[in-house]
Amino acid sequence: MKKLIFKFVKSRLAQHLRPKTLNMRGVNKVILIGNLGKDPDIQFLEGNIGVAKFSLATTETYKDRGGKLISQTEWHTVVLWRGLAELAQKYLHKGSLVYIEGRLKTRSWEDKEGNKKFATEIVGDNLIMLDKRNDGTHGGSPDLEGLSGPDITPGDDGPEILPF
């Protein structure tokens, strides 16, 4: 399964790194495979626009010089909009294994004391559920894999300040 996931991620990354024009100036692409740290928190904004937010843990394991196994976990905040937000609410829960493609987005605001605060989040454009299904087959439901939300446009970040 790990080899299959690695091949998939490698091919997806290669697709995005091919220059589409000669004027390519940068790449803002994030690919994560990890487990949800909590159930998605979903809010509905004006116009019934869904926004889901959850923490995602990615763990890297390696051996140190002495042969001891070391694990390092990084926590990421993932934000999903519209159709992906509703799918997250319906199908994801604490511990779910997911593949997320997206981009980094840093937002800022002032707290009650006037201090400037920053948060860097992953705005998800694509979601694949990697949990085994209850019937013993691998992956998420076939009709839900590889979703990128038909109502999400690549440049649509939604409101600058999230409601939570």
Foldseek 3Di string as FASTA:
>chain_A
DVVVVVVVVVVVVVVQPPDPDPPDDDDFKDKDKFFWQFQWDWDADPVRKIKTKTKTKDKDWDADPVRDIDIDIDIAIEMEIHPVRVCSNVPPGGGWIKIFMFGKDKAWDADPVRDIDIDIHGYTQWMWGFPADPVGHTTDDPVRGGDRDPPDDNVDPDDRDDPD
